[in-house]
Amino acid sequence: MDGGPGFRFVEIADQAPRIGEWVIAVGNPFGLGGTVTAGIVSARSRDITPGSYSEFIQIDAPNQGNSGGPTFDVTGKVIGINSAIVSPTGGSVGIGFAIPAETVRTVVANLRDKGKVVRGWLGVSIQAISPEIAEGLDLKQTQGALVAEPQPISPAARAGIQSGDIITSLQGRPVKDERELSKMVSDMAPGTKVEVGVVRQGEKKTIALALGQLSSPRSEAPPDNQGSQEGSTDPSKLGLTLAPAAQTAKPSAGGVVVTKVDPDGIGAERGLQAGDIILDVAGDSGECAIRRSEGAQRRA
């Protein structure tokens, strides 16, 4: 749809913000549309939802209920999109996250040109190389990503990548850890021919393959006349198995704990992990507030 002459729009920032810079968040907290809050950039490259393939900007502007609204710098350019909060109580405690402008630009281009977001897919479950794992494998450093398991009928499996391989480079670029590898692969187009550097039982190898396309597990929502009761969501449709937090944590714990996540479900796509405690979903806050323990694996 063309805006026509005089159509006003905001610009996406060309550079990532610096830590400590002032930011302004705009959103709809508690249904109060057009609310503006201010804060600073607290950190960059935060990894809060591994399944999202994004590195988030952390801001301290109060942003409970602001998801989907823009985060501006002081020049009026969009540096990100308000996305999530982390909170021990379910309310805003000054730890909010925004999707970076560079990710927004890539996603918008995909939607405009292809009608959907398209990402490269290697087809491995990977994990960090801890000091203990490095010692057990007689490695001198913890750099790289350990292949826990290649997924069946994936580019990695067809090319011969095996469990226990350590991926150290992609297209000649060193791989620092499993998080970096996941993002590097997702930023590439399906069909891209790549060379994967691996270490297998102390021997260095280079494996050539063509990336596949990461499939989207998201399914269409049912028509309104077949939907569930307003305000409710069937956890099974999200690929989640839930239990009262009080059954698995201390008796006074609130919320529900995620006991199992379907790797092909919407919950996994959104970055939910087993052990997460969901404190609030939508409702007054408009956010999904979670309490999280450390995750072990991610996919690439």
C-alpha atoms as a PDB file:
ATOM      1  CA  MET A   1       0.000   0.000   0.000  1.00  0.00           C
ATOM      2  CA  ASP A   2       1.480   3.361  -1.028  1.00  0.00           C
ATOM      3  CA  GLY A   3       1.355   6.179   1.445  1.00  0.00           C
ATOM      4  CA  GLY A   4       1.113   8.747  -1.301  1.00  0.00           C
ATOM      5  CA  PRO A   5       2.530  12.276  -1.213  1.00  0.00           C
ATOM      6  CA  GLY A   6       3.167  13.640   2.228  1.00  0.00           C
ATOM      7  CA  PHE A   7       2.934  10.243   3.941  1.00  0.00           C
ATOM      8  CA  ARG A   8       4.836  10.520   7.221  1.00  0.00           C
ATOM      9  CA  PHE A   9       7.042   7.665   8.338  1.00  0.00           C
ATOM     10  CA  VAL A  10       9.861   6.964  10.771  1.00  0.00           C
ATOM     11  CA  GLU A  11      13.365   5.972   9.732  1.00  0.00           C
ATOM     12  CA  ILE A  12      15.284   2.933  10.911  1.00  0.00           C
ATOM     13  CA  ALA A  13      18.674   3.763  12.408  1.00  0.00           C
ATOM     14  CA  ASP A  14      21.733   2.769  10.373  1.00  0.00           C
ATOM     15  CA  GLN A  15      23.988   2.204  13.367  1.00  0.00           C
ATOM     16  CA  ALA A  16      23.545   0.192  16.544  1.00  0.00           C
ATOM     17  CA  PRO A  17      23.108   2.344  19.663  1.00  0.00           C
ATOM     18  CA  ARG A  18      25.890   2.692  22.179  1.00  0.00           C
ATOM     19  CA  ILE A  19      25.504   1.480  25.733  1.00  0.00           C
ATOM     20  CA  GLY A  20      24.423   4.399  27.912  1.00  0.00           C
ATOM     21  CA  GLU A  21      22.628   6.308  25.131  1.00  0.00           C
ATOM     22  CA  TRP A  22      19.162   7.684  25.864  1.00  0.00           C
ATOM     23  CA  VAL A  23      16.219   5.900  24.293  1.00  0.00           C
ATOM     24  CA  ILE A  24      12.473   6.536  24.125  1.00  0.00           C
ATOM     25  CA  ALA A  25       9.961   3.677  24.082  1.00  0.00           C
ATOM     26  CA  VAL A  26       6.434   4.100  22.719  1.00  0.00           C
ATOM     27  CA  GLY A  27       3.659   1.614  23.376  1.00  0.00           C
ATOM     28  CA  ASN A  28       0.277   0.707  24.763  1.00  0.00           C
ATOM     29  CA  PRO A  29       0.720  -0.250  28.457  1.00  0.00           C
ATOM     30  CA  PHE A  30      -2.548  -1.258  30.145  1.00  0.00           C
ATOM     31  CA  GLY A  31      -4.416  -0.059  27.037  1.00  0.00           C
ATOM     32  CA  LEU A  32      -3.118   3.503  27.412  1.00  0.00           C
ATOM     33  CA  GLY A  33      -2.127   3.985  23.777  1.00  0.00           C
ATOM     34  CA  GLY A  34       0.597   6.393  22.761  1.00  0.00           C
ATOM     35  CA  THR A  35       2.463   6.193  26.090  1.00  0.00           C
ATOM     36  CA  VAL A  36       6.088   7.374  25.962  1.00  0.00           C
ATOM     37  CA  THR A  37       8.757   6.314  28.460  1.00  0.00           C
ATOM     38  CA  ALA A  38      12.463   7.125  28.555  1.00  0.00           C
ATOM     39  CA  GLY A  39      15.594   5.289  29.631  1.00  0.00           C
ATOM     40  CA  ILE A  40      19.016   4.244  28.427  1.00  0.00           C
ATOM     41  CA  VAL A  41      20.554   1.357  26.533  1.00  0.00           C
ATOM     42  CA  SER A  42      21.647  -0.993  29.312  1.00  0.00           C
ATOM     43  CA  ALA A  43      23.352  -3.618  27.143  1.00  0.00           C
ATOM     44  CA  ARG A  44      23.468  -5.071  23.657  1.00  0.00           C
ATOM     45  CA  SER A  45      23.556  -8.567  22.165  1.00  0.00           C
ATOM     46  CA  ARG A  46      21.473 -10.088  24.942  1.00  0.00           C
ATOM     47  CA  ASP A  47      20.525 -13.722  24.350  1.00  0.00           C
ATOM     48  CA  ILE A  48      17.152 -14.110  26.077  1.00  0.00           C
ATOM     49  CA  THR A  49      15.294 -16.351  23.606  1.00  0.00           C
ATOM     50  CA  PRO A  50      17.671 -18.680  21.743  1.00  0.00           C
ATOM     51  CA  GLY A  51      14.954 -19.934  19.407  1.00  0.00           C
ATOM     52  CA  SER A  52      14.441 -16.438  17.976  1.00  0.00           C
ATOM     53  CA  TYR A  53      17.855 -16.145  16.320  1.00  0.00           C
ATOM     54  CA  SER A  54      18.032 -12.550  17.556  1.00  0.00           C
ATOM     55  CA  GLU A  55      20.330 -10.624  19.838  1.00  0.00           C
ATOM     56  CA  PHE A  56      18.304  -8.120  21.827  1.00  0.00           C
ATOM     57  CA  ILE A  57      18.970  -4.585  23.003  1.00  0.00           C
ATOM     58  CA  GLN A  58      18.435  -4.295  26.748  1.00  0.00           C
ATOM     59  CA  ILE A  59      16.814  -1.032  27.858  1.00  0.00           C
ATOM     60  CA  ASP A  60      15.597   0.258  31.191  1.00  0.00           C
ATOM     61  CA  ALA A  61      12.768   2.426  29.876  1.00  0.00           C
ATOM     62  CA  PRO A  62       9.602   1.135  31.594  1.00  0.00           C
ATOM     63  CA  ASN A  63       8.037  -0.912  28.832  1.00  0.00           C
ATOM     64  CA  GLN A  64       5.581  -3.354  30.356  1.00  0.00           C
ATOM     65  CA  GLY A  65       2.841  -3.754  27.739  1.00  0.00           C
ATOM     66  CA  ASN A  66       4.811  -1.940  25.037  1.00  0.00           C
ATOM     67  CA  SER A  67       5.498  -4.946  22.798  1.00  0.00           C
ATOM     68  CA  GLY A  68       5.288  -4.052  19.128  1.00  0.00           C
ATOM     69  CA  GLY A  69       5.973  -0.374  19.723  1.00  0.00           C
ATOM     70  CA  PRO A  70       9.143   1.358  18.514  1.00  0.00           C
ATOM     71  CA  THR A  71      12.216   2.277  20.514  1.00  0.00           C
ATOM     72  CA  PHE A  72      13.683   5.590  19.315  1.00  0.00           C
ATOM     73  CA  ASP A  73      17.044   7.255  19.790  1.00  0.00           C
ATOM     74  CA  VAL A  74      17.178  10.958  20.582  1.00  0.00           C
ATOM     75  CA  THR A  75      17.303  11.845  16.868  1.00  0.00           C
ATOM     76  CA  GLY A  76      13.940  10.151  16.283  1.00  0.00           C
ATOM     77  CA  LYS A  77      15.240   7.087  14.455  1.00  0.00           C
ATOM     78  CA  VAL A  78      14.004   3.610  15.333  1.00  0.00           C
ATOM     79  CA  ILE A  79      16.733   1.537  16.976  1.00  0.00           C
ATOM     80  CA  GLY A  80      14.464  -1.394  17.804  1.00  0.00           C
ATOM     81  CA  ILE A  81      11.021  -2.832  18.470  1.00  0.00           C
ATOM     82  CA  ASN A  82       9.907  -3.348  22.073  1.00  0.00           C
ATOM     83  CA  SER A  83       9.635  -7.088  22.572  1.00  0.00           C
ATOM     84  CA  ALA A  84       9.842  -8.530  26.088  1.00  0.00           C
ATOM     85  CA  ILE A  85      10.599  -8.048  29.756  1.00  0.00           C
ATOM     86  CA  VAL A  86      12.256 -10.219  32.367  1.00  0.00           C
ATOM     87  CA  SER A  87      10.753  -9.908  35.799  1.00  0.00           C
ATOM     88  CA  PRO A  88      10.665 -11.872  39.072  1.00  0.00           C
ATOM     89  CA  THR A  89       7.219 -10.459  39.803  1.00  0.00           C
ATOM     90  CA  GLY A  90       5.501 -10.139  36.429  1.00  0.00           C
ATOM     91  CA  GLY A  91       5.713  -6.346  36.506  1.00  0.00           C
ATOM     92  CA  SER A  92       8.261  -4.049  34.889  1.00  0.00           C
ATOM     93  CA  VAL A  93      11.462  -3.786  36.939  1.00  0.00           C
ATOM     94  CA  GLY A  94      13.518  -1.880  34.369  1.00  0.00           C
ATOM     95  CA  ILE A  95      14.785  -4.883  32.403  1.00  0.00           C
ATOM     96  CA  GLY A  96      13.232  -4.714  28.960  1.00  0.00           C
ATOM     97  CA  PHE A  97      14.345  -5.859  25.536  1.00  0.00           C
ATOM     98  CA  ALA A  98      13.982  -4.579  21.994  1.00  0.00           C
ATOM     99  CA  ILE A  99      14.574  -6.350  18.688  1.00  0.00           C
ATOM    100  CA  PRO A 100      17.507  -4.506  17.033  1.00  0.00           C
ATOM    101  CA  ALA A 101      16.948  -2.315  13.978  1.00  0.00           C
ATOM    102  CA  GLU A 102      19.234  -4.480  11.828  1.00  0.00           C
ATOM    103  CA  THR A 103      16.994  -7.488  12.495  1.00  0.00           C
ATOM    104  CA  VAL A 104      13.892  -5.403  11.777  1.00  0.00           C
ATOM    105  CA  ARG A 105      15.363  -4.301   8.456  1.00  0.00           C
ATOM    106  CA  THR A 106      16.124  -7.899   7.429  1.00  0.00           C
ATOM    107  CA  VAL A 107      12.698  -9.198   8.441  1.00  0.00           C
ATOM    108  CA  VAL A 108      10.873  -6.372   6.658  1.00  0.00           C
ATOM    109  CA  ALA A 109      12.844  -7.032   3.462  1.00  0.00           C
ATOM    110  CA  ASN A 110      11.965 -10.757   3.655  1.00  0.00           C
ATOM    111  CA  LEU A 111       8.289 -10.035   4.194  1.00  0.00           C
ATOM    112  CA  ARG A 112       8.212  -7.506   1.355  1.00  0.00           C
ATOM    113  CA  ASP A 113      10.061  -9.685  -1.164  1.00  0.00           C
ATOM    114  CA  LYS A 114       8.974 -13.207  -0.196  1.00  0.00           C
ATOM    115  CA  GLY A 115       5.933 -12.769   2.018  1.00  0.00           C
ATOM    116  CA  LYS A 116       7.637 -14.601   4.886  1.00  0.00           C
ATOM    117  CA  VAL A 117      10.899 -14.725   6.825  1.00  0.00           C
ATOM    118  CA  VAL A 118      13.332 -17.165   5.214  1.00  0.00           C
ATOM    119  CA  ARG A 119      16.355 -18.464   7.123  1.00  0.00           C
ATOM    120  CA  GLY A 120      19.175 -20.865   6.398  1.00  0.00           C
ATOM    121  CA  TRP A 121      19.221 -24.249   8.139  1.00  0.00           C
ATOM    122  CA  LEU A 122      22.167 -26.490   8.913  1.00  0.00           C
ATOM    123  CA  GLY A 123      20.215 -29.111  10.860  1.00  0.00           C
ATOM    124  CA  VAL A 124      22.118 -29.691  14.096  1.00  0.00           C
ATOM    125  CA  SER A 125      21.423 -29.475  17.802  1.00  0.00           C
ATOM    126  CA  ILE A 126      24.414 -27.701  19.303  1.00  0.00           C
ATOM    127  CA  GLN A 127      25.640 -26.687  22.727  1.00  0.00           C
ATOM    128  CA  ALA A 128      28.380 -24.652  24.351  1.00  0.00           C
ATOM    129  CA  ILE A 129      31.769 -26.145  25.097  1.00  0.00           C
ATOM    130  CA  SER A 130      32.133 -25.744  28.843  1.00  0.00           C
ATOM    131  CA  PRO A 131      35.543 -26.019  30.550  1.00  0.00           C
ATOM    132  CA  GLU A 132      34.511 -29.481  31.753  1.00  0.00           C
ATOM    133  CA  ILE A 133      33.626 -30.612  28.214  1.00  0.00           C
ATOM    134  CA  ALA A 134      36.866 -29.129  26.891  1.00  0.00           C
ATOM    135  CA  GLU A 135      38.841 -31.043  29.499  1.00  0.00           C
ATOM    136  CA  GLY A 136      37.006 -34.270  28.728  1.00  0.00           C
ATOM    137  CA  LEU A 137      37.693 -33.895  24.995  1.00  0.00           C
ATOM    138  CA  ASP A 138      41.282 -32.786  25.605  1.00  0.00           C
ATOM    139  CA  LEU A 139      40.674 -29.401  23.988  1.00  0.00           C
ATOM    140  CA  LYS A 140      42.929 -26.444  24.607  1.00  0.00           C
ATOM    141  CA  GLN A 141      40.084 -23.905  24.388  1.00  0.00           C
ATOM    142  CA  THR A 142      36.320 -23.641  24.611  1.00  0.00           C
ATOM    143  CA  GLN A 143      35.817 -21.925  21.260  1.00  0.00           C
ATOM    144  CA  GLY A 144      33.362 -23.479  18.821  1.00  0.00           C
ATOM    145  CA  ALA A 145      30.020 -25.278  18.997  1.00  0.00           C
ATOM    146  CA  LEU A 146      29.642 -28.913  20.015  1.00  0.00           C
ATOM    147  CA  VAL A 147      27.259 -30.961  17.866  1.00  0.00           C
ATOM    148  CA  ALA A 148      24.943 -32.815  20.218  1.00  0.00           C
ATOM    149  CA  GLU A 149      23.003 -34.438  17.392  1.00  0.00           C
ATOM    150  CA  PRO A 150      22.529 -33.894  13.647  1.00  0.00           C
ATOM    151  CA  GLN A 151      18.858 -33.856  12.753  1.00  0.00           C
ATOM    152  CA  PRO A 152      17.639 -36.644  10.439  1.00  0.00           C
ATOM    153  CA  ILE A 153      17.559 -35.878   6.704  1.00  0.00           C
ATOM    154  CA  SER A 154      19.219 -32.495   7.279  1.00  0.00           C
ATOM    155  CA  PRO A 155      22.018 -30.854   5.273  1.00  0.00           C
ATOM    156  CA  ALA A 156      24.410 -31.579   8.160  1.00  0.00           C
ATOM    157  CA  ALA A 157      23.448 -35.264   8.352  1.00  0.00           C
ATOM    158  CA  ARG A 158      23.692 -35.744   4.585  1.00  0.00           C
ATOM    159  CA  ALA A 159      27.118 -34.100   4.537  1.00  0.00           C
ATOM    160  CA  GLY A 160      28.426 -36.388   7.265  1.00  0.00           C
ATOM    161  CA  ILE A 161      28.501 -34.118  10.309  1.00  0.00           C
ATOM    162  CA  GLN A 162      28.360 -36.323  13.398  1.00  0.00           C
ATOM    163  CA  SER A 163      27.528 -36.092  17.088  1.00  0.00           C
ATOM    164  CA  GLY A 164      30.634 -35.002  18.958  1.00  0.00           C
ATOM    165  CA  ASP A 165      31.979 -32.886  16.093  1.00  0.00           C
ATOM    166  CA  ILE A 166      33.084 -29.405  17.081  1.00  0.00           C
ATOM    167  CA  ILE A 167      32.163 -26.751  14.524  1.00  0.00           C
ATOM    168  CA  THR A 168      34.943 -24.166  14.572  1.00  0.00           C
ATOM    169  CA  SER A 169      34.273 -22.111  11.431  1.00  0.00           C
ATOM    170  CA  LEU A 170      31.675 -21.305   8.788  1.00  0.00           C
ATOM    171  CA  GLN A 171      32.756 -19.946   5.414  1.00  0.00           C
ATOM    172  CA  GLY A 172      36.191 -19.331   6.885  1.00  0.00           C
ATOM    173  CA  ARG A 173      34.817 -17.196   9.721  1.00  0.00           C
ATOM    174  CA  PRO A 174      35.719 -18.462  13.201  1.00  0.00           C
ATOM    175  CA  VAL A 175      32.781 -19.635  15.321  1.00  0.00           C
ATOM    176  CA  LYS A 176      33.058 -18.381  18.888  1.00  0.00           C
ATOM    177  CA  ASP A 177      30.229 -20.397  20.399  1.00  0.00           C
ATOM    178  CA  GLU A 178      26.908 -22.125  19.662  1.00  0.00           C
ATOM    179  CA  ARG A 179      25.017 -18.859  19.892  1.00  0.00           C
ATOM    180  CA  GLU A 180      27.162 -17.239  17.198  1.00  0.00           C
ATOM    181  CA  LEU A 181      26.887 -20.267  14.894  1.00  0.00           C
ATOM    182  CA  SER A 182      23.099 -20.298  15.174  1.00  0.00           C
ATOM    183  CA  LYS A 183      22.899 -16.634  14.199  1.00  0.00           C
ATOM    184  CA  MET A 184      25.432 -16.970  11.368  1.00  0.00           C
ATOM    185  CA  VAL A 185      23.461 -19.811   9.779  1.00  0.00           C
ATOM    186  CA  SER A 186      20.083 -18.108  10.204  1.00  0.00           C
ATOM    187  CA  ASP A 187      21.387 -14.946   8.517  1.00  0.00           C
ATOM    188  CA  MET A 188      22.272 -16.887   5.350  1.00  0.00           C
ATOM    189  CA  ALA A 189      19.860 -17.684   2.536  1.00  0.00           C
ATOM    190  CA  PRO A 190      18.682 -21.255   1.952  1.00  0.00           C
ATOM    191  CA  GLY A 191      20.695 -22.932  -0.786  1.00  0.00           C
ATOM    192  CA  THR A 192      23.891 -21.091   0.124  1.00  0.00           C
ATOM    193  CA  LYS A 193      26.919 -23.358  -0.365  1.00  0.00           C
ATOM    194  CA  VAL A 194      29.119 -23.215   2.698  1.00  0.00           C
ATOM    195  CA  GLU A 195      32.271 -24.813   4.055  1.00  0.00           C
ATOM    196  CA  VAL A 196      31.994 -25.966   7.648  1.00  0.00           C
ATOM    197  CA  GLY A 197      35.214 -26.365   9.613  1.00  0.00           C
ATOM    198  CA  VAL A 198      35.009 -29.135  12.208  1.00  0.00           C
ATOM    199  CA  VAL A 199      37.280 -30.905  14.634  1.00  0.00           C
ATOM    200  CA  ARG A 200      36.568 -34.635  14.969  1.00  0.00           C
ATOM    201  CA  GLN A 201      38.561 -36.607  17.519  1.00  0.00           C
ATOM    202  CA  GLY A 202      41.363 -34.075  17.310  1.00  0.00           C
ATOM    203  CA  GLU A 203      41.486 -34.041  13.499  1.00  0.00           C
ATOM    204  CA  LYS A 204      40.508 -30.936  11.523  1.00  0.00           C
ATOM    205  CA  LYS A 205      38.117 -31.390   8.595  1.00  0.00           C
ATOM    206  CA  THR A 206      36.314 -29.139   6.116  1.00  0.00           C
ATOM    207  CA  ILE A 207      32.844 -30.251   5.072  1.00  0.00           C
ATOM    208  CA  ALA A 208      31.057 -28.652   2.109  1.00  0.00           C
ATOM    209  CA  LEU A 209      27.265 -28.519   2.009  1.00  0.00           C
ATOM    210  CA  ALA A 210      24.305 -26.415   0.883  1.00  0.00           C
ATOM    211  CA  LEU A 211      22.097 -24.936   3.582  1.00  0.00           C
ATOM    212  CA  GLY A 212      18.467 -25.950   3.727  1.00  0.00           C
ATOM    213  CA  GLN A 213      15.533 -23.740   4.647  1.00  0.00           C
ATOM    214  CA  LEU A 214      14.443 -23.480   8.246  1.00  0.00           C
ATOM    215  CA  SER A 215      10.814 -24.528   8.362  1.00  0.00           C
ATOM    216  CA  SER A 216       8.275 -22.532  10.320  1.00  0.00           C
ATOM    217  CA  PRO A 217       6.261 -24.610  12.810  1.00  0.00           C
ATOM    218  CA  ARG A 218       3.654 -21.905  13.119  1.00  0.00           C
ATOM    219  CA  SER A 219       0.190 -23.043  12.081  1.00  0.00           C
ATOM    220  CA  GLU A 220      -2.754 -20.922  11.137  1.00  0.00           C
ATOM    221  CA  ALA A 221      -5.100 -19.894  13.910  1.00  0.00           C
ATOM    222  CA  PRO A 222      -8.597 -21.405  13.835  1.00  0.00           C
ATOM    223  CA  PRO A 223     -11.469 -19.242  12.525  1.00  0.00           C
ATOM    224  CA  ASP A 224     -13.144 -17.055  15.122  1.00  0.00           C
ATOM    225  CA  ASN A 225     -16.196 -19.283  15.297  1.00  0.00           C
ATOM    226  CA  GLN A 226     -13.996 -22.268  16.105  1.00  0.00           C
ATOM    227  CA  GLY A 227     -11.635 -20.543  18.499  1.00  0.00           C
ATOM    228  CA  SER A 228     -11.283 -21.244  22.183  1.00  0.00           C
ATOM    229  CA  GLN A 229     -12.758 -19.100  24.908  1.00  0.00           C
ATOM    230  CA  GLU A 230     -11.529 -15.494  24.869  1.00  0.00           C
ATOM    231  CA  GLY A 231      -8.331 -14.974  26.834  1.00  0.00           C
ATOM    232  CA  SER A 232      -7.438 -18.676  27.005  1.00  0.00           C
ATOM    233  CA  THR A 233      -4.758 -20.604  25.111  1.00  0.00           C
ATOM    234  CA  ASP A 234      -4.365 -24.359  24.802  1.00  0.00           C
ATOM    235  CA  PRO A 235      -0.725 -25.071  25.800  1.00  0.00           C
ATOM    236  CA  SER A 236      -0.653 -28.194  23.625  1.00  0.00           C
ATOM    237  CA  LYS A 237      -1.213 -26.042  20.528  1.00  0.00           C
ATOM    238  CA  LEU A 238       1.876 -24.072  21.499  1.00  0.00           C
ATOM    239  CA  GLY A 239       3.930 -27.240  21.906  1.00  0.00           C
ATOM    240  CA  LEU A 240       4.165 -26.849  25.695  1.00  0.00           C
ATOM    241  CA  THR A 241       3.549 -29.159  28.623  1.00  0.00           C
ATOM    242  CA  LEU A 242       2.889 -27.149  31.786  1.00  0.00           C
ATOM    243  CA  ALA A 243       2.561 -27.814  35.506  1.00  0.00           C
ATOM    244  CA  PRO A 244       1.879 -25.574  38.516  1.00  0.00           C
ATOM    245  CA  ALA A 245       5.188 -24.059  39.580  1.00  0.00           C
ATOM    246  CA  ALA A 246       4.470 -24.994  43.195  1.00  0.00           C
ATOM    247  CA  GLN A 247       4.725 -28.682  42.229  1.00  0.00           C
ATOM    248  CA  THR A 248       8.270 -28.355  40.909  1.00  0.00           C
ATOM    249  CA  ALA A 249       9.620 -25.338  42.789  1.00  0.00           C
ATOM    250  CA  LYS A 250       9.085 -24.063  46.325  1.00  0.00           C
ATOM    251  CA  PRO A 251       5.483 -24.346  47.553  1.00  0.00           C
ATOM    252  CA  SER A 252       4.940 -20.589  47.430  1.00  0.00           C
ATOM    253  CA  ALA A 253       6.055 -20.294  43.795  1.00  0.00           C
ATOM    254  CA  GLY A 254       3.533 -18.681  41.476  1.00  0.00           C
ATOM    255  CA  GLY A 255       2.844 -19.223  37.802  1.00  0.00           C
ATOM    256  CA  VAL A 256       3.282 -22.391  35.780  1.00  0.00           C
ATOM    257  CA  VAL A 257       6.502 -24.183  34.896  1.00  0.00           C
ATOM    258  CA  VAL A 258       7.306 -25.450  31.404  1.00  0.00           C
ATOM    259  CA  THR A 259       8.106 -29.140  31.844  1.00  0.00           C
ATOM    260  CA  LYS A 260       8.443 -30.061  28.168  1.00  0.00           C
ATOM    261  CA  VAL A 261       8.801 -28.183  24.880  1.00  0.00           C
ATOM    262  CA  ASP A 262       7.987 -29.623  21.473  1.00  0.00           C
ATOM    263  CA  PRO A 263      11.057 -28.637  19.354  1.00  0.00           C
ATOM    264  CA  ASP A 264       8.762 -28.021  16.364  1.00  0.00           C
ATOM    265  CA  GLY A 265       6.118 -26.038  18.242  1.00  0.00           C
ATOM    266  CA  ILE A 266       5.399 -22.328  18.478  1.00  0.00           C
ATOM    267  CA  GLY A 267       6.736 -22.234  22.050  1.00  0.00           C
ATOM    268  CA  ALA A 268      10.164 -23.445  20.917  1.00  0.00           C
ATOM    269  CA  GLU A 269      10.121 -20.950  18.040  1.00  0.00           C
ATOM    270  CA  ARG A 270       9.493 -18.185  20.553  1.00  0.00           C
ATOM    271  CA  GLY A 271      12.383 -19.383  22.708  1.00  0.00           C
ATOM    272  CA  LEU A 272      10.555 -21.016  25.618  1.00  0.00           C
ATOM    273  CA  GLN A 273      12.578 -23.707  27.362  1.00  0.00           C
ATOM    274  CA  ALA A 274      11.945 -26.511  29.838  1.00  0.00           C
ATOM    275  CA  GLY A 275      12.304 -25.037  33.317  1.00  0.00           C
ATOM    276  CA  ASP A 276      10.952 -21.592  32.407  1.00  0.00           C
ATOM    277  CA  ILE A 277       8.331 -20.326  34.855  1.00  0.00           C
ATOM    278  CA  ILE A 278       5.595 -18.344  33.110  1.00  0.00           C
ATOM    279  CA  LEU A 279       4.404 -15.594  35.416  1.00  0.00           C
ATOM    280  CA  ASP A 280       2.030 -13.683  33.157  1.00  0.00           C
ATOM    281  CA  VAL A 281       0.649 -14.020  29.642  1.00  0.00           C
ATOM    282  CA  ALA A 282      -0.954 -11.026  27.933  1.00  0.00           C
ATOM    283  CA  GLY A 283      -3.652  -9.900  30.338  1.00  0.00           C
ATOM    284  CA  ASP A 284      -3.100  -6.403  31.651  1.00  0.00           C
ATOM    285  CA  SER A 285       0.610  -6.361  30.925  1.00  0.00           C
ATOM    286  CA  GLY A 286       0.475  -7.347  27.247  1.00  0.00           C
ATOM    287  CA  GLU A 287       3.714  -9.298  27.778  1.00  0.00           C
ATOM    288  CA  CYS A 288       4.878 -12.810  28.483  1.00  0.00           C
ATOM    289  CA  ALA A 289       6.899 -12.434  31.661  1.00  0.00           C
ATOM    290  CA  ILE A 290       9.121 -15.401  32.483  1.00  0.00           C
ATOM    291  CA  ARG A 291      11.678 -16.506  35.036  1.00  0.00           C
ATOM    292  CA  ARG A 292      14.441 -18.478  33.354  1.00  0.00           C
ATOM    293  CA  SER A 293      17.180 -20.938  34.167  1.00  0.00           C
ATOM    294  CA  GLU A 294      20.104 -21.567  31.817  1.00  0.00           C
ATOM    295  CA  GLY A 295      19.277 -23.554  28.671  1.00  0.00           C
ATOM    296  CA  ALA A 296      21.583 -26.310  27.395  1.00  0.00           C
ATOM    297  CA  GLN A 297      21.097 -26.566  23.657  1.00  0.00           C
ATOM    298  CA  ARG A 298      19.962 -24.631  20.620  1.00  0.00           C
ATOM    299  CA  ARG A 299      19.414 -25.423  16.965  1.00  0.00           C
ATOM    300  CA  ALA A 300      21.146 -24.187  13.828  1.00  0.00           C
END
